N, C-alpha and C. Protein backbone atom coordinates (compact mmCIF):
# COMPACT_ATOMS: atom_id res chain seq x y z
N MET A 1 0.82 -1.19 0.00
CA MET A 1 0.00 0.00 0.00
C MET A 1 0.87 1.27 0.00
N ARG A 2 2.02 1.20 0.70
CA ARG A 2 2.92 2.36 0.73
C ARG A 2 3.35 2.76 -0.68
N GLY A 3 3.58 1.77 -1.53
CA GLY A 3 4.00 2.06 -2.90
C GLY A 3 2.92 2.80 -3.67
N ILE A 4 1.69 2.37 -3.52
CA ILE A 4 0.57 3.03 -4.21
C ILE A 4 0.43 4.46 -3.70
N ILE A 5 0.53 4.63 -2.39
CA ILE A 5 0.44 5.98 -1.80
C ILE A 5 1.56 6.86 -2.34
N ALA A 6 2.76 6.33 -2.42
CA ALA A 6 3.90 7.10 -2.93
C ALA A 6 3.69 7.49 -4.40
N ILE A 7 3.19 6.58 -5.19
CA ILE A 7 2.94 6.87 -6.62
C ILE A 7 1.87 7.96 -6.76
N LEU A 8 0.77 7.81 -6.03
CA LEU A 8 -0.30 8.81 -6.09
C LEU A 8 0.21 10.19 -5.65
N ALA A 9 0.95 10.21 -4.55
CA ALA A 9 1.49 11.48 -4.05
C ALA A 9 2.49 12.07 -5.06
N GLY A 10 3.27 11.23 -5.71
CA GLY A 10 4.21 11.71 -6.72
C GLY A 10 3.50 12.34 -7.90
N ILE A 11 2.41 11.73 -8.34
CA ILE A 11 1.64 12.29 -9.45
C ILE A 11 0.99 13.61 -9.02
N GLY A 12 0.44 13.64 -7.81
CA GLY A 12 -0.14 14.87 -7.30
C GLY A 12 0.89 15.98 -7.18
N LEU A 13 2.09 15.62 -6.75
CA LEU A 13 3.18 16.59 -6.65
C LEU A 13 3.53 17.15 -8.03
N TYR A 14 3.55 16.29 -9.02
CA TYR A 14 3.85 16.70 -10.40
C TYR A 14 2.80 17.69 -10.91
N ILE A 15 1.53 17.39 -10.67
CA ILE A 15 0.44 18.27 -11.10
C ILE A 15 0.54 19.62 -10.39
N SER A 16 0.77 19.59 -9.09
CA SER A 16 0.90 20.84 -8.33
C SER A 16 2.11 21.64 -8.81
N ALA A 17 3.19 20.96 -9.13
CA ALA A 17 4.38 21.65 -9.63
C ALA A 17 4.09 22.31 -10.98
N TYR A 18 3.35 21.62 -11.84
CA TYR A 18 2.97 22.18 -13.14
C TYR A 18 2.17 23.47 -12.94
N PHE A 19 1.14 23.42 -12.09
CA PHE A 19 0.35 24.61 -11.83
C PHE A 19 1.20 25.74 -11.25
N THR A 20 2.10 25.40 -10.35
CA THR A 20 2.96 26.40 -9.73
C THR A 20 3.85 27.06 -10.77
N LEU A 21 4.47 26.25 -11.61
CA LEU A 21 5.36 26.78 -12.65
C LEU A 21 4.61 27.64 -13.66
N VAL A 22 3.39 27.23 -14.01
CA VAL A 22 2.58 28.02 -14.93
C VAL A 22 2.14 29.32 -14.27
N ALA A 23 1.68 29.25 -13.03
CA ALA A 23 1.18 30.43 -12.33
C ALA A 23 2.26 31.50 -12.15
N TYR A 24 3.48 31.06 -11.93
CA TYR A 24 4.57 32.02 -11.72
C TYR A 24 5.34 32.32 -13.00
N GLY A 25 4.79 31.88 -14.15
CA GLY A 25 5.36 32.24 -15.43
C GLY A 25 6.66 31.55 -15.79
N VAL A 26 6.98 30.46 -15.11
CA VAL A 26 8.22 29.74 -15.39
C VAL A 26 8.07 28.89 -16.65
N VAL A 27 6.89 28.31 -16.85
CA VAL A 27 6.63 27.52 -18.06
C VAL A 27 5.32 27.98 -18.69
N ASN A 28 5.21 27.75 -19.96
CA ASN A 28 4.00 28.03 -20.72
C ASN A 28 2.97 26.94 -20.39
N PRO A 29 1.68 27.29 -20.31
CA PRO A 29 0.66 26.27 -20.02
C PRO A 29 0.66 25.12 -21.03
N ALA A 30 1.11 25.38 -22.25
CA ALA A 30 1.12 24.35 -23.29
C ALA A 30 2.43 23.58 -23.34
N THR A 31 3.18 23.59 -22.26
CA THR A 31 4.47 22.90 -22.23
C THR A 31 4.31 21.41 -22.52
N ARG A 32 5.36 20.82 -23.01
CA ARG A 32 5.33 19.38 -23.29
C ARG A 32 5.60 18.54 -22.04
N LEU A 33 5.67 19.20 -20.89
CA LEU A 33 5.90 18.48 -19.63
C LEU A 33 4.69 17.65 -19.21
N VAL A 34 3.54 17.94 -19.80
CA VAL A 34 2.33 17.17 -19.51
C VAL A 34 1.71 16.72 -20.82
N PRO A 35 0.98 15.62 -20.81
CA PRO A 35 0.32 15.16 -22.04
C PRO A 35 -0.63 16.24 -22.58
N SER A 36 -0.78 16.30 -23.88
CA SER A 36 -1.59 17.35 -24.50
C SER A 36 -3.03 17.37 -24.00
N VAL A 37 -3.60 16.23 -23.68
CA VAL A 37 -4.98 16.18 -23.21
C VAL A 37 -5.13 16.88 -21.86
N CYS A 38 -4.05 16.98 -21.11
CA CYS A 38 -4.09 17.58 -19.78
C CYS A 38 -3.66 19.04 -19.75
N ARG A 39 -3.07 19.51 -20.82
CA ARG A 39 -2.54 20.87 -20.83
C ARG A 39 -3.66 21.89 -20.75
N LEU A 40 -3.38 22.95 -20.05
CA LEU A 40 -4.31 24.06 -19.98
C LEU A 40 -4.05 25.00 -21.15
N ASP A 41 -5.12 25.45 -21.80
CA ASP A 41 -4.90 26.49 -22.79
C ASP A 41 -4.83 27.83 -22.05
N GLU A 42 -4.44 28.87 -22.73
CA GLU A 42 -4.25 30.16 -22.07
C GLU A 42 -5.51 30.64 -21.36
N ARG A 43 -6.67 30.53 -22.01
CA ARG A 43 -7.91 31.02 -21.42
C ARG A 43 -8.28 30.21 -20.18
N ALA A 44 -8.24 28.90 -20.30
CA ALA A 44 -8.59 28.04 -19.17
C ALA A 44 -7.60 28.22 -18.03
N CYS A 45 -6.34 28.36 -18.38
CA CYS A 45 -5.31 28.52 -17.37
C CYS A 45 -5.53 29.80 -16.58
N ARG A 46 -5.77 30.88 -17.27
CA ARG A 46 -6.03 32.15 -16.59
C ARG A 46 -7.28 32.05 -15.73
N SER A 47 -8.31 31.39 -16.25
CA SER A 47 -9.56 31.26 -15.51
C SER A 47 -9.36 30.47 -14.23
N VAL A 48 -8.67 29.36 -14.32
CA VAL A 48 -8.48 28.49 -13.16
C VAL A 48 -7.55 29.13 -12.14
N LEU A 49 -6.46 29.71 -12.60
CA LEU A 49 -5.45 30.23 -11.68
C LEU A 49 -5.78 31.60 -11.10
N SER A 50 -6.68 32.35 -11.76
CA SER A 50 -6.98 33.69 -11.26
C SER A 50 -8.29 33.78 -10.49
N THR A 51 -9.04 32.73 -10.45
CA THR A 51 -10.31 32.73 -9.73
C THR A 51 -10.08 32.76 -8.22
N PRO A 52 -11.02 33.31 -7.48
CA PRO A 52 -10.90 33.29 -6.01
C PRO A 52 -10.84 31.86 -5.44
N TYR A 53 -11.36 30.90 -6.17
CA TYR A 53 -11.35 29.50 -5.72
C TYR A 53 -9.95 28.90 -5.74
N ALA A 54 -9.01 29.55 -6.41
CA ALA A 54 -7.64 29.05 -6.49
C ALA A 54 -6.85 29.36 -5.22
N ARG A 55 -7.47 30.10 -4.30
CA ARG A 55 -6.81 30.48 -3.04
C ARG A 55 -7.80 30.31 -1.90
N VAL A 56 -8.13 29.10 -1.59
CA VAL A 56 -9.14 28.86 -0.56
C VAL A 56 -8.65 29.26 0.82
N PHE A 57 -7.41 29.00 1.16
CA PHE A 57 -6.87 29.32 2.49
C PHE A 57 -5.81 30.41 2.43
N GLY A 58 -5.94 31.33 1.50
CA GLY A 58 -4.98 32.42 1.38
C GLY A 58 -3.86 32.12 0.40
N ALA A 59 -3.15 31.05 0.63
CA ALA A 59 -2.07 30.64 -0.28
C ALA A 59 -2.71 29.94 -1.49
N PRO A 60 -2.04 29.99 -2.64
CA PRO A 60 -2.58 29.27 -3.80
C PRO A 60 -2.75 27.78 -3.50
N ASN A 61 -3.87 27.22 -3.95
CA ASN A 61 -4.15 25.80 -3.70
C ASN A 61 -3.03 24.90 -4.20
N PHE A 62 -2.45 25.26 -5.35
CA PHE A 62 -1.41 24.40 -5.92
C PHE A 62 -0.14 24.42 -5.08
N VAL A 63 0.14 25.52 -4.39
CA VAL A 63 1.29 25.58 -3.50
C VAL A 63 1.02 24.72 -2.26
N LEU A 64 -0.21 24.81 -1.74
CA LEU A 64 -0.59 23.94 -0.62
C LEU A 64 -0.50 22.48 -1.05
N GLY A 65 -0.87 22.21 -2.31
CA GLY A 65 -0.77 20.86 -2.85
C GLY A 65 0.67 20.37 -2.87
N LEU A 66 1.60 21.24 -3.23
CA LEU A 66 3.02 20.87 -3.20
C LEU A 66 3.42 20.38 -1.81
N LEU A 67 3.03 21.12 -0.79
CA LEU A 67 3.37 20.75 0.59
C LEU A 67 2.68 19.45 1.00
N TYR A 68 1.41 19.34 0.67
CA TYR A 68 0.61 18.16 1.03
C TYR A 68 1.16 16.89 0.39
N TYR A 69 1.37 16.93 -0.90
CA TYR A 69 1.86 15.74 -1.60
C TYR A 69 3.29 15.40 -1.20
N ALA A 70 4.12 16.42 -1.00
CA ALA A 70 5.50 16.17 -0.57
C ALA A 70 5.52 15.51 0.80
N LEU A 71 4.67 15.97 1.72
CA LEU A 71 4.58 15.36 3.04
C LEU A 71 4.19 13.89 2.95
N ILE A 72 3.16 13.61 2.18
CA ILE A 72 2.71 12.22 2.05
C ILE A 72 3.79 11.37 1.40
N LEU A 73 4.43 11.89 0.37
CA LEU A 73 5.49 11.15 -0.32
C LEU A 73 6.64 10.84 0.62
N ILE A 74 7.08 11.83 1.38
CA ILE A 74 8.18 11.61 2.33
C ILE A 74 7.81 10.58 3.38
N LEU A 75 6.60 10.68 3.91
CA LEU A 75 6.17 9.72 4.94
C LEU A 75 6.02 8.31 4.37
N ALA A 76 5.52 8.21 3.14
CA ALA A 76 5.35 6.88 2.53
C ALA A 76 6.69 6.24 2.22
N VAL A 77 7.58 7.00 1.61
CA VAL A 77 8.90 6.48 1.25
C VAL A 77 9.72 6.19 2.50
N GLY A 78 9.55 7.03 3.53
CA GLY A 78 10.29 6.84 4.78
C GLY A 78 9.75 5.75 5.68
N GLY A 79 8.65 5.11 5.27
CA GLY A 79 8.08 4.04 6.06
C GLY A 79 7.41 4.51 7.35
N LEU A 80 6.99 5.76 7.38
CA LEU A 80 6.41 6.32 8.60
C LEU A 80 4.89 6.22 8.64
N LEU A 81 4.30 5.57 7.65
CA LEU A 81 2.85 5.41 7.63
C LEU A 81 2.47 4.03 8.17
N THR A 82 2.68 3.84 9.43
CA THR A 82 2.31 2.57 10.06
C THR A 82 0.97 2.73 10.75
N SER A 83 0.26 1.63 10.88
CA SER A 83 -1.09 1.68 11.44
C SER A 83 -1.12 2.17 12.88
N SER A 84 -0.01 2.10 13.58
CA SER A 84 0.02 2.56 14.97
C SER A 84 0.50 4.00 15.11
N SER A 85 0.76 4.66 14.01
CA SER A 85 1.32 6.02 14.04
C SER A 85 0.23 7.06 14.31
N VAL A 86 0.48 7.93 15.27
CA VAL A 86 -0.41 9.06 15.53
C VAL A 86 -0.41 9.99 14.33
N LEU A 87 0.73 10.09 13.67
CA LEU A 87 0.86 10.91 12.48
C LEU A 87 -0.11 10.45 11.39
N LEU A 88 -0.28 9.15 11.27
CA LEU A 88 -1.19 8.60 10.26
C LEU A 88 -2.63 9.03 10.54
N VAL A 89 -3.02 9.06 11.78
CA VAL A 89 -4.38 9.46 12.14
C VAL A 89 -4.63 10.90 11.69
N GLY A 90 -3.69 11.78 11.98
CA GLY A 90 -3.81 13.18 11.55
C GLY A 90 -3.82 13.31 10.04
N LEU A 91 -2.98 12.52 9.38
CA LEU A 91 -2.90 12.56 7.92
C LEU A 91 -4.19 12.06 7.29
N ARG A 92 -4.80 11.06 7.89
CA ARG A 92 -6.10 10.58 7.39
C ARG A 92 -7.14 11.70 7.44
N GLY A 93 -7.19 12.40 8.57
CA GLY A 93 -8.13 13.51 8.69
C GLY A 93 -7.88 14.58 7.65
N LEU A 94 -6.62 14.91 7.45
CA LEU A 94 -6.25 15.90 6.44
C LEU A 94 -6.64 15.42 5.05
N ALA A 95 -6.41 14.15 4.79
CA ALA A 95 -6.73 13.59 3.47
C ALA A 95 -8.23 13.67 3.19
N TRP A 96 -9.05 13.34 4.17
CA TRP A 96 -10.50 13.41 3.95
C TRP A 96 -10.97 14.86 3.86
N ALA A 97 -10.30 15.76 4.57
CA ALA A 97 -10.63 17.18 4.44
C ALA A 97 -10.33 17.67 3.02
N THR A 98 -9.26 17.18 2.42
CA THR A 98 -8.95 17.57 1.04
C THR A 98 -9.99 17.03 0.07
N VAL A 99 -10.56 15.89 0.38
CA VAL A 99 -11.63 15.32 -0.46
C VAL A 99 -12.86 16.23 -0.42
N VAL A 100 -13.23 16.64 0.79
CA VAL A 100 -14.38 17.53 0.93
C VAL A 100 -14.13 18.85 0.21
N LEU A 101 -12.95 19.41 0.40
CA LEU A 101 -12.58 20.64 -0.29
C LEU A 101 -12.61 20.43 -1.81
N GLY A 102 -12.13 19.27 -2.25
CA GLY A 102 -12.12 18.95 -3.68
C GLY A 102 -13.51 18.90 -4.28
N LEU A 103 -14.47 18.40 -3.51
CA LEU A 103 -15.86 18.39 -4.00
C LEU A 103 -16.36 19.81 -4.21
N TYR A 104 -16.05 20.67 -3.26
CA TYR A 104 -16.44 22.08 -3.39
C TYR A 104 -15.75 22.73 -4.59
N LEU A 105 -14.46 22.48 -4.74
CA LEU A 105 -13.71 23.09 -5.85
C LEU A 105 -14.16 22.55 -7.20
N THR A 106 -14.53 21.28 -7.25
CA THR A 106 -15.06 20.71 -8.50
C THR A 106 -16.38 21.37 -8.85
N TYR A 107 -17.23 21.53 -7.86
CA TYR A 107 -18.50 22.25 -8.08
C TYR A 107 -18.21 23.66 -8.61
N ALA A 108 -17.26 24.36 -7.98
CA ALA A 108 -16.92 25.72 -8.40
C ALA A 108 -16.40 25.74 -9.84
N LEU A 109 -15.57 24.77 -10.19
CA LEU A 109 -15.05 24.70 -11.56
C LEU A 109 -16.18 24.56 -12.57
N ILE A 110 -17.09 23.66 -12.28
CA ILE A 110 -18.15 23.35 -13.24
C ILE A 110 -19.22 24.43 -13.27
N GLU A 111 -19.69 24.86 -12.11
CA GLU A 111 -20.82 25.77 -12.04
C GLU A 111 -20.47 27.25 -12.00
N ARG A 112 -19.35 27.60 -11.40
CA ARG A 112 -19.01 29.02 -11.24
C ARG A 112 -18.02 29.49 -12.30
N VAL A 113 -16.91 28.78 -12.42
CA VAL A 113 -15.86 29.18 -13.36
C VAL A 113 -16.18 28.71 -14.77
N ARG A 114 -16.90 27.60 -14.85
CA ARG A 114 -17.31 27.00 -16.13
C ARG A 114 -16.13 26.64 -17.02
N VAL A 115 -15.13 26.02 -16.38
CA VAL A 115 -13.95 25.53 -17.09
C VAL A 115 -13.76 24.07 -16.72
N HIS A 116 -13.52 23.25 -17.71
CA HIS A 116 -13.23 21.84 -17.44
C HIS A 116 -11.71 21.67 -17.46
N CYS A 117 -11.18 21.46 -16.28
CA CYS A 117 -9.74 21.34 -16.10
C CYS A 117 -9.41 19.88 -15.77
N VAL A 118 -8.89 19.17 -16.74
CA VAL A 118 -8.59 17.75 -16.57
C VAL A 118 -7.60 17.54 -15.43
N LEU A 119 -6.60 18.40 -15.33
CA LEU A 119 -5.62 18.25 -14.25
C LEU A 119 -6.24 18.52 -12.88
N CYS A 120 -7.17 19.45 -12.82
CA CYS A 120 -7.86 19.71 -11.54
C CYS A 120 -8.66 18.47 -11.14
N TYR A 121 -9.39 17.91 -12.08
CA TYR A 121 -10.17 16.70 -11.80
C TYR A 121 -9.24 15.55 -11.40
N ALA A 122 -8.11 15.45 -12.07
CA ALA A 122 -7.15 14.39 -11.74
C ALA A 122 -6.63 14.56 -10.32
N ALA A 123 -6.30 15.79 -9.94
CA ALA A 123 -5.80 16.05 -8.59
C ALA A 123 -6.86 15.70 -7.55
N HIS A 124 -8.10 16.06 -7.81
CA HIS A 124 -9.17 15.75 -6.86
C HIS A 124 -9.40 14.23 -6.77
N SER A 125 -9.26 13.54 -7.88
CA SER A 125 -9.37 12.07 -7.87
C SER A 125 -8.22 11.44 -7.10
N ILE A 126 -7.03 11.98 -7.28
CA ILE A 126 -5.87 11.49 -6.54
C ILE A 126 -6.09 11.69 -5.04
N ASN A 127 -6.66 12.84 -4.67
CA ASN A 127 -6.92 13.09 -3.26
C ASN A 127 -7.89 12.06 -2.68
N LEU A 128 -8.91 11.69 -3.45
CA LEU A 128 -9.84 10.66 -3.00
C LEU A 128 -9.13 9.32 -2.86
N ALA A 129 -8.34 8.96 -3.85
CA ALA A 129 -7.61 7.70 -3.80
C ALA A 129 -6.64 7.67 -2.62
N LEU A 130 -5.96 8.80 -2.37
CA LEU A 130 -5.04 8.87 -1.22
C LEU A 130 -5.80 8.71 0.10
N ALA A 131 -6.94 9.36 0.21
CA ALA A 131 -7.73 9.25 1.45
C ALA A 131 -8.15 7.80 1.68
N ILE A 132 -8.58 7.14 0.63
CA ILE A 132 -8.97 5.73 0.76
C ILE A 132 -7.77 4.88 1.16
N CYS A 133 -6.66 5.07 0.47
CA CYS A 133 -5.44 4.28 0.77
C CYS A 133 -4.96 4.52 2.20
N LEU A 134 -4.96 5.78 2.62
CA LEU A 134 -4.50 6.10 3.98
C LEU A 134 -5.46 5.52 5.02
N THR A 135 -6.71 5.41 4.69
CA THR A 135 -7.68 4.79 5.61
C THR A 135 -7.44 3.29 5.74
N LEU A 136 -6.99 2.69 4.65
CA LEU A 136 -6.78 1.23 4.64
C LEU A 136 -5.44 0.79 5.18
N VAL A 137 -4.52 1.75 5.41
CA VAL A 137 -3.19 1.40 5.92
C VAL A 137 -3.32 0.82 7.32
C-alpha cells in the first residue's frame, strides 16, 4: 500500500508543480511536460489560476498541494505510515478534508468558473484515492 500511496502522491506533486510553474510564469501552459490532453490552454489557465477559488486558504491551492503531496510522499517512502502512528491518524483527517474541499472546488469549476480542467479533476481524484489508501493502511 505504501507504494501506491507514494505513486499517487508523486503524481499529485507533479500536477501541483505544473500549476505552480505556470502560475509564476516559469513555463508556458502548453508545455510538453504534460500530455496534451491535460494541458491548460491560455484562457482556461487564466480562468483556473486567477479565480478566487484558487486560493481557498490564502495561499494558492497548488502551493498547498506541493506541501501536502511532498509530506505524504516523504512519509510513505520513509516508512512512517504505520497503522500505529499518531501521524497517520492526523494525515487521514487531512486527506479526507482535502476530499471535501475537492468536492467544493469541483463544483466551483463546473458551475461558477465553467472551465473543465482535466488536471484539476485528476488532482481531486488522486486526493480521494489517497484518502482511501490512507484509511486502509
